[in-house]
PDB file of N, CA and C in Angstrom:
ATOM      1  N   MET A   1      18.140  10.308 -63.760  1.00  0.00           N
ATOM      2  CA  MET A   1      17.191   9.876 -62.752  1.00  0.00           C
ATOM      3  C   MET A   1      15.825  10.458 -63.088  1.00  0.00           C
ATOM      4  N   THR A   2      14.787   9.635 -63.050  1.00  0.00           N
ATOM      5  CA  THR A   2      13.439  10.108 -63.331  1.00  0.00           C
ATOM      6  C   THR A   2      12.767  10.520 -62.033  1.00  0.00           C
ATOM      7  N   ASP A   3      11.593  11.138 -62.195  1.00  0.00           N
ATOM      8  CA  ASP A   3      10.878  11.633 -61.017  1.00  0.00           C
ATOM      9  C   ASP A   3      10.326  10.510 -60.139  1.00  0.00           C
ATOM     10  N   ASP A   4       9.969   9.344 -60.748  1.00  0.00           N
ATOM     11  CA  ASP A   4       9.372   8.283 -59.940  1.00  0.00           C
ATOM     12  C   ASP A   4      10.414   7.421 -59.228  1.00  0.00           C
ATOM     13  N   GLU A   5      11.696   7.522 -59.559  1.00  0.00           N
ATOM     14  CA  GLU A   5      12.740   6.779 -58.847  1.00  0.00           C
ATOM     15  C   GLU A   5      13.088   7.494 -57.547  1.00  0.00           C
ATOM     16  N   PRO A   6      13.222   6.771 -56.466  1.00  0.00           N
ATOM     17  CA  PRO A   6      13.582   7.435 -55.200  1.00  0.00           C
ATOM     18  C   PRO A   6      15.022   7.936 -55.247  1.00  0.00           C
ATOM     19  N   LYS A   7      15.228   9.056 -54.616  1.00  0.00           N
ATOM     20  CA  LYS A   7      16.572   9.608 -54.511  1.00  0.00           C
ATOM     21  C   LYS A   7      17.354   8.791 -53.490  1.00  0.00           C
ATOM     22  N   PRO A   8      18.674   8.762 -53.554  1.00  0.00           N
ATOM     23  CA  PRO A   8      19.457   7.947 -52.617  1.00  0.00           C
ATOM     24  C   PRO A   8      19.137   8.225 -51.153  1.00  0.00           C
ATOM     25  N   ALA A   9      18.952   9.483 -50.785  1.00  0.00           N
ATOM     26  CA  ALA A   9      18.655   9.803 -49.384  1.00  0.00           C
ATOM     27  C   ALA A   9      17.301   9.238 -48.979  1.00  0.00           C
ATOM     28  N   GLU A  10      16.322   9.290 -49.882  1.00  0.00           N
ATOM     29  CA  GLU A  10      15.006   8.738 -49.584  1.00  0.00           C
ATOM     30  C   GLU A  10      15.075   7.216 -49.432  1.00  0.00           C
ATOM     31  N   ALA A  11      15.878   6.564 -50.265  1.00  0.00           N
ATOM     32  CA  ALA A  11      16.022   5.110 -50.184  1.00  0.00           C
ATOM     33  C   ALA A  11      16.647   4.705 -48.856  1.00  0.00           C
ATOM     34  N   VAL A  12      17.628   5.472 -48.393  1.00  0.00           N
ATOM     35  CA  VAL A  12      18.262   5.180 -47.107  1.00  0.00           C
ATOM     36  C   VAL A  12      17.261   5.353 -45.984  1.00  0.00           C
ATOM     37  N   ASP A  13      16.431   6.409 -46.051  1.00  0.00           N
ATOM     38  CA  ASP A  13      15.412   6.628 -45.026  1.00  0.00           C
ATOM     39  C   ASP A  13      14.409   5.480 -44.993  1.00  0.00           C
ATOM     40  N   ARG A  14      14.003   4.992 -46.177  1.00  0.00           N
ATOM     41  CA  ARG A  14      13.047   3.889 -46.224  1.00  0.00           C
ATOM     42  C   ARG A  14      13.649   2.619 -45.625  1.00  0.00           C
ATOM     43  N   ARG A  15      14.927   2.367 -45.926  1.00  0.00           N
ATOM     44  CA  ARG A  15      15.579   1.185 -45.358  1.00  0.00           C
ATOM     45  C   ARG A  15      15.673   1.298 -43.844  1.00  0.00           C
ATOM     46  N   ALA A  16      15.972   2.480 -43.331  1.00  0.00           N
ATOM     47  CA  ALA A  16      16.053   2.682 -41.881  1.00  0.00           C
ATOM     48  C   ALA A  16      14.679   2.472 -41.244  1.00  0.00           C
ATOM     49  N   GLU A  17      13.615   2.930 -41.914  1.00  0.00           N
ATOM     50  CA  GLU A  17      12.267   2.723 -41.385  1.00  0.00           C
ATOM     51  C   GLU A  17      11.923   1.238 -41.354  1.00  0.00           C
ATOM     52  N   LYS A  18      12.262   0.517 -42.429  1.00  0.00           N
ATOM     53  CA  LYS A  18      11.982  -0.919 -42.482  1.00  0.00           C
ATOM     54  C   LYS A  18      12.757  -1.660 -41.407  1.00  0.00           C
ATOM     55  N   ARG A  19      14.019  -1.266 -41.176  1.00  0.00           N
ATOM     56  CA  ARG A  19      14.833  -1.908 -40.156  1.00  0.00           C
ATOM     57  C   ARG A  19      14.214  -1.701 -38.785  1.00  0.00           C
ATOM     58  N   GLY A  20      13.671  -0.536 -38.528  1.00  0.00           N
ATOM     59  CA  GLY A  20      13.030  -0.260 -37.253  1.00  0.00           C
ATOM     60  C   GLY A  20      11.756  -1.066 -37.064  1.00  0.00           C
ATOM     61  N   ARG A  21      11.073  -1.356 -38.166  1.00  0.00           N
ATOM     62  CA  ARG A  21       9.833  -2.118 -38.100  1.00  0.00           C
ATOM     63  C   ARG A  21      10.055  -3.615 -38.283  1.00  0.00           C
ATOM     64  N   SER A  22      11.284  -4.057 -38.398  1.00  0.00           N
ATOM     65  CA  SER A  22      11.539  -5.461 -38.703  1.00  0.00           C
ATOM     66  C   SER A  22      11.738  -6.320 -37.451  1.00  0.00           C
ATOM     67  N   PHE A  23      11.330  -5.842 -36.298  1.00  0.00           N
ATOM     68  CA  PHE A  23      11.413  -6.652 -35.086  1.00  0.00           C
ATOM     69  C   PHE A  23      10.527  -7.868 -35.276  1.00  0.00           C
ATOM     70  N   GLN A  24      11.099  -9.039 -35.090  1.00  0.00           N
ATOM     71  CA  GLN A  24      10.361 -10.273 -35.342  1.00  0.00           C
ATOM     72  C   GLN A  24      10.239 -11.065 -34.041  1.00  0.00           C
ATOM     73  N   PRO A  25       9.117 -10.949 -33.374  1.00  0.00           N
ATOM     74  CA  PRO A  25       8.970 -11.673 -32.104  1.00  0.00           C
ATOM     75  C   PRO A  25       9.035 -13.192 -32.293  1.00  0.00           C
ATOM     76  N   GLY A  26       8.586 -13.696 -33.442  1.00  0.00           N
ATOM     77  CA  GLY A  26       8.662 -15.135 -33.689  1.00  0.00           C
ATOM     78  C   GLY A  26      10.095 -15.625 -33.734  1.00  0.00           C
ATOM     79  N   LEU A  27      10.973 -14.815 -34.310  1.00  0.00           N
ATOM     80  CA  LEU A  27      12.387 -15.166 -34.366  1.00  0.00           C
ATOM     81  C   LEU A  27      12.975 -15.245 -32.962  1.00  0.00           C
ATOM     82  N   TRP A  28      12.682 -14.260 -32.136  1.00  0.00           N
ATOM     83  CA  TRP A  28      13.201 -14.256 -30.772  1.00  0.00           C
ATOM     84  C   TRP A  28      12.567 -15.379 -29.949  1.00  0.00           C
ATOM     85  N   ALA A  29      11.318 -15.718 -30.238  1.00  0.00           N
ATOM     86  CA  ALA A  29      10.659 -16.811 -29.528  1.00  0.00           C
ATOM     87  C   ALA A  29      11.325 -18.145 -29.834  1.00  0.00           C
ATOM     88  N   ARG A  30      12.004 -18.247 -30.964  1.00  0.00           N
ATOM     89  CA  ARG A  30      12.749 -19.460 -31.300  1.00  0.00           C
ATOM     90  C   ARG A  30      14.191 -19.389 -30.815  1.00  0.00           C
ATOM     91  N   LEU A  31      14.819 -18.230 -30.934  1.00  0.00           N
ATOM     92  CA  LEU A  31      16.231 -18.090 -30.569  1.00  0.00           C
ATOM     93  C   LEU A  31      16.474 -18.249 -29.075  1.00  0.00           C
ATOM     94  N   ILE A  32      15.593 -17.749 -28.257  1.00  0.00           N
ATOM     95  CA  ILE A  32      15.793 -17.828 -26.808  1.00  0.00           C
ATOM     96  C   ILE A  32      15.785 -19.279 -26.321  1.00  0.00           C
ATOM     97  N   PRO A  33      14.790 -20.107 -26.699  1.00  0.00           N
ATOM     98  CA  PRO A  33      14.861 -21.516 -26.264  1.00  0.00           C
ATOM     99  C   PRO A  33      16.069 -22.252 -26.847  1.00  0.00           C
ATOM    100  N   ILE A  34      16.438 -21.949 -28.081  1.00  0.00           N
ATOM    101  CA  ILE A  34      17.616 -22.590 -28.676  1.00  0.00           C
ATOM    102  C   ILE A  34      18.868 -22.214 -27.880  1.00  0.00           C
ATOM    103  N   GLY A  35      18.979 -20.959 -27.487  1.00  0.00           N
ATOM    104  CA  GLY A  35      20.113 -20.516 -26.677  1.00  0.00           C
ATOM    105  C   GLY A  35      20.135 -21.188 -25.313  1.00  0.00           C
ATOM    106  N   LEU A  36      18.965 -21.352 -24.709  1.00  0.00           N
ATOM    107  CA  LEU A  36      18.891 -22.019 -23.413  1.00  0.00           C
ATOM    108  C   LEU A  36      19.295 -23.490 -23.522  1.00  0.00           C
ATOM    109  N   VAL A  37      18.828 -24.161 -24.572  1.00  0.00           N
ATOM    110  CA  VAL A  37      19.196 -25.570 -24.768  1.00  0.00           C
ATOM    111  C   VAL A  37      20.688 -25.691 -25.035  1.00  0.00           C
ATOM    112  N   ALA A  38      21.239 -24.796 -25.843  1.00  0.00           N
ATOM    113  CA  ALA A  38      22.682 -24.823 -26.125  1.00  0.00           C
ATOM    114  C   ALA A  38      23.482 -24.604 -24.846  1.00  0.00           C
ATOM    115  N   GLY A  39      23.044 -23.685 -23.994  1.00  0.00           N
ATOM    116  CA  GLY A  39      23.713 -23.462 -22.715  1.00  0.00           C
ATOM    117  C   GLY A  39      23.638 -24.680 -21.812  1.00  0.00           C
ATOM    118  N   TYR A  40      22.490 -25.343 -21.802  1.00  0.00           N
ATOM    119  CA  TYR A  40      22.327 -26.560 -20.996  1.00  0.00           C
ATOM    120  C   TYR A  40      23.254 -27.660 -21.506  1.00  0.00           C
ATOM    121  N   VAL A  41      23.316 -27.843 -22.828  1.00  0.00           N
ATOM    122  CA  VAL A  41      24.183 -28.874 -23.406  1.00  0.00           C
ATOM    123  C   VAL A  41      25.645 -28.577 -23.085  1.00  0.00           C
ATOM    124  N   LEU A  42      26.044 -27.319 -23.190  1.00  0.00           N
ATOM    125  CA  LEU A  42      27.424 -26.940 -22.866  1.00  0.00           C
ATOM    126  C   LEU A  42      27.731 -27.242 -21.400  1.00  0.00           C
ATOM    127  N   ALA A  43      26.827 -26.896 -20.498  1.00  0.00           N
ATOM    128  CA  ALA A  43      27.037 -27.195 -19.079  1.00  0.00           C
ATOM    129  C   ALA A  43      27.073 -28.703 -18.840  1.00  0.00           C
ATOM    130  N   PHE A  44      26.232 -29.449 -19.548  1.00  0.00           N
ATOM    131  CA  PHE A  44      26.211 -30.906 -19.428  1.00  0.00           C
ATOM    132  C   PHE A  44      27.553 -31.504 -19.826  1.00  0.00           C
ATOM    133  N   VAL A  45      28.108 -31.009 -20.919  1.00  0.00           N
ATOM    134  CA  VAL A  45      29.411 -31.512 -21.390  1.00  0.00           C
ATOM    135  C   VAL A  45      30.511 -31.160 -20.390  1.00  0.00           C
ATOM    136  N   VAL A  46      30.522 -29.926 -19.922  1.00  0.00           N
ATOM    137  CA  VAL A  46      31.579 -29.476 -19.004  1.00  0.00           C
ATOM    138  C   VAL A  46      31.522 -30.243 -17.680  1.00  0.00           C
ATOM    139  N   LEU A  47      30.326 -30.536 -17.192  1.00  0.00           N
ATOM    140  CA  LEU A  47      30.187 -31.214 -15.905  1.00  0.00           C
ATOM    141  C   LEU A  47      30.426 -32.723 -15.980  1.00  0.00           C
ATOM    142  N   ASN A  48      30.492 -33.287 -17.184  1.00  0.00           N
ATOM    143  CA  ASN A  48      30.680 -34.726 -17.330  1.00  0.00           C
ATOM    144  C   ASN A  48      32.004 -35.054 -18.017  1.00  0.00           C
ATOM    145  N   THR A  49      33.063 -34.417 -17.584  1.00  0.00           N
ATOM    146  CA  THR A  49      34.369 -34.643 -18.212  1.00  0.00           C
ATOM    147  C   THR A  49      35.275 -35.571 -17.412  1.00  0.00           C
ATOM    148  N   ARG A  50      34.835 -36.026 -16.257  1.00  0.00           N
ATOM    149  CA  ARG A  50      35.721 -36.895 -15.468  1.00  0.00           C
ATOM    150  C   ARG A  50      35.895 -38.240 -16.169  1.00  0.00           C
ATOM    151  N   GLY A  51      36.989 -38.882 -15.911  1.00  0.00           N
ATOM    152  CA  GLY A  51      37.285 -40.164 -16.547  1.00  0.00           C
ATOM    153  C   GLY A  51      36.578 -41.317 -15.874  1.00  0.00           C
ATOM    154  N   VAL A  52      36.127 -42.262 -16.672  1.00  0.00           N
ATOM    155  CA  VAL A  52      35.483 -43.463 -16.150  1.00  0.00           C
ATOM    156  C   VAL A  52      36.102 -44.679 -16.838  1.00  0.00           C
ATOM    157  N   LYS A  53      36.022 -45.806 -16.154  1.00  0.00           N
ATOM    158  CA  LYS A  53      36.548 -47.050 -16.716  1.00  0.00           C
ATOM    159  C   LYS A  53      35.414 -47.766 -17.442  1.00  0.00           C
ATOM    160  N   VAL A  54      35.653 -48.109 -18.708  1.00  0.00           N
ATOM    161  CA  VAL A  54      34.673 -48.840 -19.505  1.00  0.00           C
ATOM    162  C   VAL A  54      35.226 -50.240 -19.715  1.00  0.00           C
ATOM    163  N   SER A  55      34.481 -51.244 -19.276  1.00  0.00           N
ATOM    164  CA  SER A  55      34.918 -52.628 -19.403  1.00  0.00           C
ATOM    165  C   SER A  55      34.211 -53.301 -20.572  1.00  0.00           C
ATOM    166  N   PHE A  56      35.008 -53.919 -21.429  1.00  0.00           N
ATOM    167  CA  PHE A  56      34.492 -54.707 -22.543  1.00  0.00           C
ATOM    168  C   PHE A  56      34.701 -56.177 -22.200  1.00  0.00           C
ATOM    169  N   VAL A  57      34.292 -57.053 -23.073  1.00  0.00           N
ATOM    170  CA  VAL A  57      34.431 -58.484 -22.816  1.00  0.00           C
ATOM    171  C   VAL A  57      35.904 -58.873 -22.713  1.00  0.00           C
ATOM    172  N   PHE A  58      36.732 -58.336 -23.598  1.00  0.00           N
ATOM    173  CA  PHE A  58      38.144 -58.732 -23.652  1.00  0.00           C
ATOM    174  C   PHE A  58      39.103 -57.651 -23.177  1.00  0.00           C
ATOM    175  N   GLY A  59      38.625 -56.626 -22.518  1.00  0.00           N
ATOM    176  CA  GLY A  59      39.528 -55.581 -22.044  1.00  0.00           C
ATOM    177  C   GLY A  59      38.754 -54.418 -21.461  1.00  0.00           C
ATOM    178  N   SER A  60      39.487 -53.379 -21.114  1.00  0.00           N
ATOM    179  CA  SER A  60      38.851 -52.184 -20.567  1.00  0.00           C
ATOM    180  C   SER A  60      39.678 -50.970 -20.960  1.00  0.00           C
ATOM    181  N   THR A  61      39.067 -49.813 -20.831  1.00  0.00           N
ATOM    182  CA  THR A  61      39.753 -48.565 -21.152  1.00  0.00           C
ATOM    183  C   THR A  61      39.188 -47.451 -20.274  1.00  0.00           C
ATOM    184  N   HIS A  62      39.888 -46.346 -20.215  1.00  0.00           N
ATOM    185  CA  HIS A  62      39.433 -45.160 -19.492  1.00  0.00           C
ATOM    186  C   HIS A  62      39.111 -44.070 -20.519  1.00  0.00           C
ATOM    187  N   VAL A  63      37.906 -43.541 -20.433  1.00  0.00           N
ATOM    188  CA  VAL A  63      37.497 -42.442 -21.315  1.00  0.00           C
ATOM    189  C   VAL A  63      36.714 -41.428 -20.491  1.00  0.00           C
ATOM    190  N   SER A  64      36.495 -40.280 -21.094  1.00  0.00           N
ATOM    191  CA  SER A  64      35.700 -39.243 -20.453  1.00  0.00           C
ATOM    192  C   SER A  64      34.232 -39.673 -20.428  1.00  0.00           C
ATOM    193  N   LEU A  65      33.536 -39.356 -19.370  1.00  0.00           N
ATOM    194  CA  LEU A  65      32.141 -39.761 -19.193  1.00  0.00           C
ATOM    195  C   LEU A  65      31.255 -39.238 -20.324  1.00  0.00           C
ATOM    196  N   ILE A  66      31.509 -38.055 -20.812  1.00  0.00           N
ATOM    197  CA  ILE A  66      30.670 -37.497 -21.877  1.00  0.00           C
ATOM    198  C   ILE A  66      30.728 -38.362 -23.126  1.00  0.00           C
ATOM    199  N   TRP A  67      31.892 -38.977 -23.416  1.00  0.00           N
ATOM    200  CA  TRP A  67      31.998 -39.846 -24.584  1.00  0.00           C
ATOM    201  C   TRP A  67      31.181 -41.117 -24.399  1.00  0.00           C
ATOM    202  N   VAL A  68      31.136 -41.627 -23.182  1.00  0.00           N
ATOM    203  CA  VAL A  68      30.308 -42.806 -22.908  1.00  0.00           C
ATOM    204  C   VAL A  68      28.832 -42.450 -23.107  1.00  0.00           C
ATOM    205  N   ILE A  69      28.434 -41.285 -22.615  1.00  0.00           N
ATOM    206  CA  ILE A  69      27.041 -40.844 -22.766  1.00  0.00           C
ATOM    207  C   ILE A  69      26.705 -40.651 -24.234  1.00  0.00           C
ATOM    208  N   LEU A  70      27.577 -39.979 -24.990  1.00  0.00           N
ATOM    209  CA  LEU A  70      27.318 -39.737 -26.414  1.00  0.00           C
ATOM    210  C   LEU A  70      27.322 -41.035 -27.214  1.00  0.00           C
ATOM    211  N   LEU A  71      28.199 -41.967 -26.870  1.00  0.00           N
ATOM    212  CA  LEU A  71      28.212 -43.264 -27.544  1.00  0.00           C
ATOM    213  C   LEU A  71      26.915 -44.017 -27.283  1.00  0.00           C
ATOM    214  N   ALA A  72      26.445 -44.001 -26.046  1.00  0.00           N
ATOM    215  CA  ALA A  72      25.182 -44.661 -25.712  1.00  0.00           C
ATOM    216  C   ALA A  72      24.012 -43.992 -26.439  1.00  0.00           C
ATOM    217  N   LEU A  73      24.038 -42.677 -26.524  1.00  0.00           N
ATOM    218  CA  LEU A  73      22.998 -41.948 -27.252  1.00  0.00           C
ATOM    219  C   LEU A  73      23.010 -42.329 -28.728  1.00  0.00           C
ATOM    220  N   GLY A  74      24.193 -42.340 -29.331  1.00  0.00           N
ATOM    221  CA  GLY A  74      24.307 -42.703 -30.741  1.00  0.00           C
ATOM    222  C   GLY A  74      23.861 -44.126 -31.009  1.00  0.00           C
ATOM    223  N   ALA A  75      24.281 -45.051 -30.152  1.00  0.00           N
ATOM    224  CA  ALA A  75      23.880 -46.449 -30.321  1.00  0.00           C
ATOM    225  C   ALA A  75      22.360 -46.589 -30.173  1.00  0.00           C
ATOM    226  N   GLY A  76      21.781 -45.875 -29.233  1.00  0.00           N
ATOM    227  CA  GLY A  76      20.332 -45.913 -29.056  1.00  0.00           C
ATOM    228  C   GLY A  76      19.590 -45.357 -30.253  1.00  0.00           C
ATOM    229  N   LEU A  77      20.092 -44.270 -30.818  1.00  0.00           N
ATOM    230  CA  LEU A  77      19.462 -43.699 -32.006  1.00  0.00           C
ATOM    231  C   LEU A  77      19.532 -44.668 -33.186  1.00  0.00           C
ATOM    232  N   VAL A  78      20.708 -45.254 -33.415  1.00  0.00           N
ATOM    233  CA  VAL A  78      20.873 -46.182 -34.533  1.00  0.00           C
ATOM    234  C   VAL A  78      19.972 -47.401 -34.351  1.00  0.00           C
ATOM    235  N   LEU A  79      19.958 -47.972 -33.154  1.00  0.00           N
ATOM    236  CA  LEU A  79      19.098 -49.125 -32.904  1.00  0.00           C
ATOM    237  C   LEU A  79      17.616 -48.771 -33.039  1.00  0.00           C
ATOM    238  N   GLY A  80      17.247 -47.608 -32.577  1.00  0.00           N
ATOM    239  CA  GLY A  80      15.852 -47.171 -32.715  1.00  0.00           C
ATOM    240  C   GLY A  80      15.454 -47.008 -34.172  1.00  0.00           C
ATOM    241  N   LEU A  81      16.333 -46.427 -34.982  1.00  0.00           N
ATOM    242  CA  LEU A  81      16.044 -46.274 -36.404  1.00  0.00           C
ATOM    243  C   LEU A  81      15.952 -47.622 -37.099  1.00  0.00           C
ATOM    244  N   LEU A  82      16.876 -48.523 -36.774  1.00  0.00           N
ATOM    245  CA  LEU A  82      16.849 -49.846 -37.398  1.00  0.00           C
ATOM    246  C   LEU A  82      15.589 -50.621 -37.015  1.00  0.00           C
ATOM    247  N   LEU A  83      15.209 -50.564 -35.753  1.00  0.00           N
ATOM    248  CA  LEU A  83      14.001 -51.260 -35.317  1.00  0.00           C
ATOM    249  C   LEU A  83      12.744 -50.662 -35.941  1.00  0.00           C
ATOM    250  N   SER A  84      12.699 -49.339 -36.083  1.00  0.00           N
ATOM    251  CA  SER A  84      11.524 -48.732 -36.715  1.00  0.00           C
ATOM    252  C   SER A  84      11.438 -49.119 -38.187  1.00  0.00           C
ATOM    253  N   GLN A  85      12.579 -49.211 -38.864  1.00  0.00           N
ATOM    254  CA  GLN A  85      12.571 -49.649 -40.262  1.00  0.00           C
ATOM    255  C   GLN A  85      12.132 -51.111 -40.376  1.00  0.00           C
ATOM    256  N   LEU A  86      12.598 -51.952 -39.451  1.00  0.00           N
ATOM    257  CA  LEU A  86      12.187 -53.351 -39.442  1.00  0.00           C
ATOM    258  C   LEU A  86      10.683 -53.472 -39.225  1.00  0.00           C
ATOM    259  N   HIS A  87      10.161 -52.690 -38.288  1.00  0.00           N
ATOM    260  CA  HIS A  87       8.724 -52.696 -38.018  1.00  0.00           C
ATOM    261  C   HIS A  87       7.951 -52.222 -39.248  1.00  0.00           C
ATOM    262  N   ARG A  88       8.409 -51.162 -39.878  1.00  0.00           N
ATOM    263  CA  ARG A  88       7.752 -50.626 -41.081  1.00  0.00           C
ATOM    264  C   ARG A  88       7.767 -51.669 -42.202  1.00  0.00           C
ATOM    265  N   HIS A  89       8.895 -52.352 -42.366  1.00  0.00           N
ATOM    266  CA  HIS A  89       9.013 -53.373 -43.407  1.00  0.00           C
ATOM    267  C   HIS A  89       8.041 -54.516 -43.148  1.00  0.00           C
ATOM    268  N   ARG A  90       7.934 -54.944 -41.891  1.00  0.00           N
ATOM    269  CA  ARG A  90       7.028 -56.050 -41.555  1.00  0.00           C
ATOM    270  C   ARG A  90       5.561 -55.633 -41.745  1.00  0.00           C
ATOM    271  N   GLN A  91       5.235 -54.383 -41.440  1.00  0.00           N
ATOM    272  CA  GLN A  91       3.873 -53.907 -41.604  1.00  0.00           C
ATOM    273  C   GLN A  91       3.496 -53.811 -43.078  1.00  0.00           C
ATOM    274  N   SER A  92       4.448 -53.447 -43.920  1.00  0.00           N
ATOM    275  CA  SER A  92       4.145 -53.286 -45.350  1.00  0.00           C
ATOM    276  C   SER A  92       3.953 -54.634 -46.035  1.00  0.00           C
ATOM    277  N   ARG A  93       4.519 -55.709 -45.480  1.00  0.00           N
ATOM    278  CA  ARG A  93       4.379 -57.058 -46.065  1.00  0.00           C
ATOM    279  C   ARG A  93       3.023 -57.665 -45.774  1.00  0.00           C
ATOM    280  N   ARG A  94       2.286 -57.132 -44.813  1.00  0.00           N
ATOM    281  CA  ARG A  94       0.980 -57.702 -44.438  1.00  0.00           C
ATOM    282  C   ARG A  94      -0.078 -57.307 -45.415  1.00  0.00           C
TER     283      ARG A  94
END
């Protein structure tokens, strides 16, 4: 070991000092809202578990309400993406 290399005890002390100074308010500013949204989504799922009747043209079925909501959300996202691509394609042809 040379004189300019830190000794193991000194290296541990430096790491402990860095850990004490590594509080990141930006990280907590992001984690807290993410935790709140996750808690809201969990409560939303738990509160929407009752069964509902879904009628189709040629039949019907009973499913949990949350699945109907998620299916509607997914269908809306897919349709929105397809329509935006169609709009973009039409704009680029002009």
